[in-house]
PDB file of N, CA and C in Angstrom:
ATOM      1  N   UNK A   1      -4.390 -15.357   2.950  1.00  0.00           N
ATOM      2  CA  UNK A   1      -4.537 -13.922   3.088  1.00  0.00           C
ATOM      3  C   UNK A   1      -5.877 -13.634   3.753  1.00  0.00           C
ATOM      4  N   UNK A   2      -5.895 -12.645   4.615  1.00  0.00           N
ATOM      5  CA  UNK A   2      -7.115 -12.270   5.299  1.00  0.00           C
ATOM      6  C   UNK A   2      -8.121 -11.698   4.308  1.00  0.00           C
ATOM      7  N   UNK A   3      -9.388 -11.800   4.663  1.00  0.00           N
ATOM      8  CA  UNK A   3     -10.447 -11.308   3.782  1.00  0.00           C
ATOM      9  C   UNK A   3     -10.810  -9.875   4.140  1.00  0.00           C
ATOM     10  N   UNK A   4     -10.143  -8.956   3.485  1.00  0.00           N
ATOM     11  CA  UNK A   4     -10.413  -7.530   3.641  1.00  0.00           C
ATOM     12  C   UNK A   4     -10.768  -6.982   2.277  1.00  0.00           C
ATOM     13  N   UNK A   5     -11.222  -5.765   2.221  1.00  0.00           N
ATOM     14  CA  UNK A   5     -11.571  -5.136   0.942  1.00  0.00           C
ATOM     15  C   UNK A   5     -10.316  -4.506   0.345  1.00  0.00           C
ATOM     16  N   UNK A   6      -9.528  -5.314  -0.319  1.00  0.00           N
ATOM     17  CA  UNK A   6      -8.278  -4.848  -0.909  1.00  0.00           C
ATOM     18  C   UNK A   6      -8.570  -4.024  -2.145  1.00  0.00           C
ATOM     19  N   UNK A   7      -7.850  -2.919  -2.291  1.00  0.00           N
ATOM     20  CA  UNK A   7      -7.987  -2.041  -3.449  1.00  0.00           C
ATOM     21  C   UNK A   7      -6.625  -1.882  -4.097  1.00  0.00           C
ATOM     22  N   UNK A   8      -6.579  -2.072  -5.392  1.00  0.00           N
ATOM     23  CA  UNK A   8      -5.325  -1.923  -6.133  1.00  0.00           C
ATOM     24  C   UNK A   8      -4.982  -0.440  -6.235  1.00  0.00           C
ATOM     25  N   UNK A   9      -3.739  -0.106  -5.955  1.00  0.00           N
ATOM     26  CA  UNK A   9      -3.283   1.270  -6.069  1.00  0.00           C
ATOM     27  C   UNK A   9      -3.398   1.737  -7.511  1.00  0.00           C
ATOM     28  N   UNK A  10      -3.867   2.957  -7.698  1.00  0.00           N
ATOM     29  CA  UNK A  10      -3.983   3.499  -9.058  1.00  0.00           C
ATOM     30  C   UNK A  10      -2.615   3.769  -9.674  1.00  0.00           C
ATOM     31  N   UNK A  11      -1.563   3.757  -8.873  1.00  0.00           N
ATOM     32  CA  UNK A  11      -0.214   3.961  -9.383  1.00  0.00           C
ATOM     33  C   UNK A  11       0.489   2.653  -9.728  1.00  0.00           C
ATOM     34  N   UNK A  12      -0.168   1.530  -9.475  1.00  0.00           N
ATOM     35  CA  UNK A  12       0.455   0.227  -9.749  1.00  0.00           C
ATOM     36  C   UNK A  12       0.510  -0.041 -11.248  1.00  0.00           C
ATOM     37  N   UNK A  13       1.579  -0.678 -11.640  1.00  0.00           N
ATOM     38  CA  UNK A  13       1.728  -1.090 -13.034  1.00  0.00           C
ATOM     39  C   UNK A  13       0.872  -2.334 -13.265  1.00  0.00           C
ATOM     40  N   UNK A  14       0.734  -2.706 -14.505  1.00  0.00           N
ATOM     41  CA  UNK A  14       0.012  -3.943 -14.826  1.00  0.00           C
ATOM     42  C   UNK A  14       0.969  -5.116 -14.660  1.00  0.00           C
ATOM     43  N   UNK A  15       0.429  -6.280 -14.356  1.00  0.00           N
ATOM     44  CA  UNK A  15       1.269  -7.464 -14.215  1.00  0.00           C
ATOM     45  C   UNK A  15       1.478  -7.842 -12.768  1.00  0.00           C
ATOM     46  N   UNK A  16       2.695  -8.294 -12.452  1.00  0.00           N
ATOM     47  CA  UNK A  16       2.988  -8.814 -11.119  1.00  0.00           C
ATOM     48  C   UNK A  16       3.489  -7.774 -10.128  1.00  0.00           C
ATOM     49  N   UNK A  17       3.544  -6.513 -10.502  1.00  0.00           N
ATOM     50  CA  UNK A  17       4.104  -5.492  -9.623  1.00  0.00           C
ATOM     51  C   UNK A  17       3.013  -4.547  -9.119  1.00  0.00           C
ATOM     52  N   UNK A  18       1.968  -5.104  -8.513  1.00  0.00           N
ATOM     53  CA  UNK A  18       0.849  -4.288  -8.045  1.00  0.00           C
ATOM     54  C   UNK A  18       0.854  -4.168  -6.532  1.00  0.00           C
ATOM     55  N   UNK A  19       0.474  -3.002  -6.051  1.00  0.00           N
ATOM     56  CA  UNK A  19       0.372  -2.741  -4.622  1.00  0.00           C
ATOM     57  C   UNK A  19      -1.109  -2.647  -4.269  1.00  0.00           C
ATOM     58  N   UNK A  20      -1.502  -3.342  -3.203  1.00  0.00           N
ATOM     59  CA  UNK A  20      -2.889  -3.349  -2.749  1.00  0.00           C
ATOM     60  C   UNK A  20      -2.960  -2.775  -1.340  1.00  0.00           C
ATOM     61  N   UNK A  21      -4.041  -2.050  -1.052  1.00  0.00           N
ATOM     62  CA  UNK A  21      -4.272  -1.454   0.253  1.00  0.00           C
ATOM     63  C   UNK A  21      -5.650  -1.864   0.763  1.00  0.00           C
ATOM     64  N   UNK A  22      -5.775  -1.972   2.090  1.00  0.00           N
ATOM     65  CA  UNK A  22      -7.070  -2.266   2.705  1.00  0.00           C
ATOM     66  C   UNK A  22      -7.106  -1.673   4.105  1.00  0.00           C
ATOM     67  N   UNK A  23      -8.230  -1.068   4.490  1.00  0.00           N
ATOM     68  CA  UNK A  23      -8.352  -0.606   5.869  1.00  0.00           C
ATOM     69  C   UNK A  23      -8.531  -1.818   6.785  1.00  0.00           C
ATOM     70  N   UNK A  24      -7.650  -1.968   7.754  1.00  0.00           N
ATOM     71  CA  UNK A  24      -7.736  -3.088   8.691  1.00  0.00           C
ATOM     72  C   UNK A  24      -8.432  -2.670   9.976  1.00  0.00           C
ATOM     73  N   UNK A  25      -8.201  -1.427  10.384  1.00  0.00           N
ATOM     74  CA  UNK A  25      -8.832  -0.859  11.576  1.00  0.00           C
ATOM     75  C   UNK A  25      -8.652   0.651  11.492  1.00  0.00           C
ATOM     76  N   UNK A  26      -9.078   1.362  12.514  1.00  0.00           N
ATOM     77  CA  UNK A  26      -8.882   2.820  12.510  1.00  0.00           C
ATOM     78  C   UNK A  26      -7.424   3.184  12.739  1.00  0.00           C
ATOM     79  N   UNK A  27      -6.619   2.210  13.156  1.00  0.00           N
ATOM     80  CA  UNK A  27      -5.209   2.468  13.457  1.00  0.00           C
ATOM     81  C   UNK A  27      -4.232   1.768  12.516  1.00  0.00           C
ATOM     82  N   UNK A  28      -4.717   1.063  11.512  1.00  0.00           N
ATOM     83  CA  UNK A  28      -3.799   0.348  10.616  1.00  0.00           C
ATOM     84  C   UNK A  28      -4.396   0.178   9.226  1.00  0.00           C
ATOM     85  N   UNK A  29      -3.524   0.325   8.247  1.00  0.00           N
ATOM     86  CA  UNK A  29      -3.870   0.074   6.851  1.00  0.00           C
ATOM     87  C   UNK A  29      -2.991  -1.071   6.382  1.00  0.00           C
ATOM     88  N   UNK A  30      -3.588  -2.039   5.727  1.00  0.00           N
ATOM     89  CA  UNK A  30      -2.824  -3.168   5.211  1.00  0.00           C
ATOM     90  C   UNK A  30      -2.277  -2.860   3.832  1.00  0.00           C
ATOM     91  N   UNK A  31      -1.035  -3.253   3.596  1.00  0.00           N
ATOM     92  CA  UNK A  31      -0.385  -3.119   2.290  1.00  0.00           C
ATOM     93  C   UNK A  31       0.201  -4.466   1.912  1.00  0.00           C
ATOM     94  N   UNK A  32       0.027  -4.867   0.655  1.00  0.00           N
ATOM     95  CA  UNK A  32       0.717  -6.067   0.182  1.00  0.00           C
ATOM     96  C   UNK A  32       0.956  -5.960  -1.309  1.00  0.00           C
ATOM     97  N   UNK A  33       1.970  -6.654  -1.774  1.00  0.00           N
ATOM     98  CA  UNK A  33       2.285  -6.717  -3.198  1.00  0.00           C
ATOM     99  C   UNK A  33       1.626  -7.949  -3.792  1.00  0.00           C
ATOM    100  N   UNK A  34       1.287  -7.861  -5.071  1.00  0.00           N
ATOM    101  CA  UNK A  34       0.620  -8.983  -5.720  1.00  0.00           C
ATOM    102  C   UNK A  34       1.502 -10.226  -5.788  1.00  0.00           C
ATOM    103  N   UNK A  35       2.822 -10.047  -5.836  1.00  0.00           N
ATOM    104  CA  UNK A  35       3.700 -11.215  -5.916  1.00  0.00           C
ATOM    105  C   UNK A  35       4.046 -11.796  -4.546  1.00  0.00           C
ATOM    106  N   UNK A  36       3.633 -11.142  -3.441  1.00  0.00           N
ATOM    107  CA  UNK A  36       3.835 -11.651  -2.072  1.00  0.00           C
ATOM    108  C   UNK A  36       2.580 -11.370  -1.243  1.00  0.00           C
ATOM    109  N   UNK A  37       1.439 -11.950  -1.591  1.00  0.00           N
ATOM    110  CA  UNK A  37       0.192 -11.590  -0.923  1.00  0.00           C
ATOM    111  C   UNK A  37       0.119 -11.986   0.553  1.00  0.00           C
ATOM    112  N   UNK A  38       0.953 -12.908   0.996  1.00  0.00           N
ATOM    113  CA  UNK A  38       0.915 -13.321   2.398  1.00  0.00           C
ATOM    114  C   UNK A  38       1.734 -12.419   3.313  1.00  0.00           C
ATOM    115  N   UNK A  39       2.532 -11.511   2.738  1.00  0.00           N
ATOM    116  CA  UNK A  39       3.309 -10.553   3.521  1.00  0.00           C
ATOM    117  C   UNK A  39       2.517  -9.250   3.543  1.00  0.00           C
ATOM    118  N   UNK A  40       1.990  -8.904   4.714  1.00  0.00           N
ATOM    119  CA  UNK A  40       1.150  -7.714   4.845  1.00  0.00           C
ATOM    120  C   UNK A  40       1.795  -6.742   5.824  1.00  0.00           C
ATOM    121  N   UNK A  41       2.064  -5.541   5.339  1.00  0.00           N
ATOM    122  CA  UNK A  41       2.573  -4.470   6.194  1.00  0.00           C
ATOM    123  C   UNK A  41       1.373  -3.731   6.780  1.00  0.00           C
ATOM    124  N   UNK A  42       1.515  -3.215   8.002  1.00  0.00           N
ATOM    125  CA  UNK A  42       0.380  -2.558   8.655  1.00  0.00           C
ATOM    126  C   UNK A  42       0.764  -1.195   9.242  1.00  0.00           C
ATOM    127  N   UNK A  43       1.111  -0.239   8.393  1.00  0.00           N
ATOM    128  CA  UNK A  43       1.433   1.099   8.904  1.00  0.00           C
ATOM    129  C   UNK A  43       0.163   1.828   9.347  1.00  0.00           C
ATOM    130  N   UNK A  44       0.348   2.888  10.121  1.00  0.00           N
ATOM    131  CA  UNK A  44      -0.779   3.711  10.561  1.00  0.00           C
ATOM    132  C   UNK A  44      -1.225   4.609   9.400  1.00  0.00           C
ATOM    133  N   UNK A  45      -2.467   5.069   9.431  1.00  0.00           N
ATOM    134  CA  UNK A  45      -2.924   5.993   8.383  1.00  0.00           C
ATOM    135  C   UNK A  45      -2.050   7.248   8.277  1.00  0.00           C
ATOM    136  N   UNK A  46      -1.548   7.752   9.407  1.00  0.00           N
ATOM    137  CA  UNK A  46      -0.688   8.931   9.382  1.00  0.00           C
ATOM    138  C   UNK A  46       0.606   8.659   8.613  1.00  0.00           C
ATOM    139  N   UNK A  47       1.193   7.501   8.809  1.00  0.00           N
ATOM    140  CA  UNK A  47       2.427   7.173   8.081  1.00  0.00           C
ATOM    141  C   UNK A  47       2.162   7.018   6.591  1.00  0.00           C
ATOM    142  N   UNK A  48       1.016   6.467   6.216  1.00  0.00           N
ATOM    143  CA  UNK A  48       0.655   6.351   4.804  1.00  0.00           C
ATOM    144  C   UNK A  48       0.484   7.743   4.197  1.00  0.00           C
ATOM    145  N   UNK A  49      -0.207   8.643   4.921  1.00  0.00           N
ATOM    146  CA  UNK A  49      -0.377  10.019   4.422  1.00  0.00           C
ATOM    147  C   UNK A  49       0.965  10.699   4.197  1.00  0.00           C
ATOM    148  N   UNK A  50       1.886  10.533   5.150  1.00  0.00           N
ATOM    149  CA  UNK A  50       3.210  11.152   5.007  1.00  0.00           C
ATOM    150  C   UNK A  50       3.976  10.559   3.829  1.00  0.00           C
ATOM    151  N   UNK A  51       3.891   9.241   3.635  1.00  0.00           N
ATOM    152  CA  UNK A  51       4.561   8.604   2.509  1.00  0.00           C
ATOM    153  C   UNK A  51       4.005   9.111   1.183  1.00  0.00           C
ATOM    154  N   UNK A  52       2.687   9.157   1.064  1.00  0.00           N
ATOM    155  CA  UNK A  52       2.071   9.639  -0.176  1.00  0.00           C
ATOM    156  C   UNK A  52       2.455  11.087  -0.438  1.00  0.00           C
ATOM    157  N   UNK A  53       2.487  11.903   0.595  1.00  0.00           N
ATOM    158  CA  UNK A  53       2.889  13.300   0.443  1.00  0.00           C
ATOM    159  C   UNK A  53       4.326  13.399  -0.070  1.00  0.00           C
ATOM    160  N   UNK A  54       5.216  12.594   0.500  1.00  0.00           N
ATOM    161  CA  UNK A  54       6.621  12.615   0.064  1.00  0.00           C
ATOM    162  C   UNK A  54       6.746  12.157  -1.389  1.00  0.00           C
ATOM    163  N   UNK A  55       5.960  11.170  -1.784  1.00  0.00           N
ATOM    164  CA  UNK A  55       5.989  10.696  -3.174  1.00  0.00           C
ATOM    165  C   UNK A  55       5.495  11.795  -4.097  1.00  0.00           C
ATOM    166  N   UNK A  56       4.388  12.431  -3.741  1.00  0.00           N
ATOM    167  CA  UNK A  56       3.817  13.496  -4.585  1.00  0.00           C
ATOM    168  C   UNK A  56       4.766  14.663  -4.786  1.00  0.00           C
ATOM    169  N   UNK A  57       5.529  15.007  -3.748  1.00  0.00           N
ATOM    170  CA  UNK A  57       6.444  16.144  -3.848  1.00  0.00           C
ATOM    171  C   UNK A  57       7.835  15.756  -4.342  1.00  0.00           C
ATOM    172  N   UNK A  58       8.003  14.501  -4.765  1.00  0.00           N
ATOM    173  CA  UNK A  58       9.241  14.081  -5.397  1.00  0.00           C
ATOM    174  C   UNK A  58      10.371  13.701  -4.459  1.00  0.00           C
ATOM    175  N   UNK A  59      10.080  13.471  -3.176  1.00  0.00           N
ATOM    176  CA  UNK A  59      11.126  13.101  -2.236  1.00  0.00           C
ATOM    177  C   UNK A  59      11.425  11.600  -2.251  1.00  0.00           C
ATOM    178  N   UNK A  60      10.559  10.825  -2.873  1.00  0.00           N
ATOM    179  CA  UNK A  60      10.759   9.380  -2.998  1.00  0.00           C
ATOM    180  C   UNK A  60      10.760   9.062  -4.485  1.00  0.00           C
ATOM    181  N   UNK A  61      11.805   8.397  -4.927  1.00  0.00           N
ATOM    182  CA  UNK A  61      11.904   8.040  -6.345  1.00  0.00           C
ATOM    183  C   UNK A  61      12.098   6.534  -6.476  1.00  0.00           C
ATOM    184  N   UNK A  62      11.881   6.058  -7.677  1.00  0.00           N
ATOM    185  CA  UNK A  62      12.077   4.628  -7.944  1.00  0.00           C
ATOM    186  C   UNK A  62      13.560   4.318  -8.002  1.00  0.00           C
ATOM    187  N   UNK A  63      13.931   3.112  -7.568  1.00  0.00           N
ATOM    188  CA  UNK A  63      15.364   2.734  -7.622  1.00  0.00           C
ATOM    189  C   UNK A  63      15.842   2.582  -9.046  1.00  0.00           C
TER     190      UNK A  63
END
């Protein structure tokens, strides 16, 4: 895994189901799960903002 300043999401549960975020550049934010640390998604900050907004307003729910 690359050496970035990963921060655990405050919404992550305890245990193996944690989501981590790190700024990779001005155009990408890294996301990875604690159980798959070598798989890193790199959405843009705008897409992360839209996702968080949708979660906050209840448009995204847990399966």
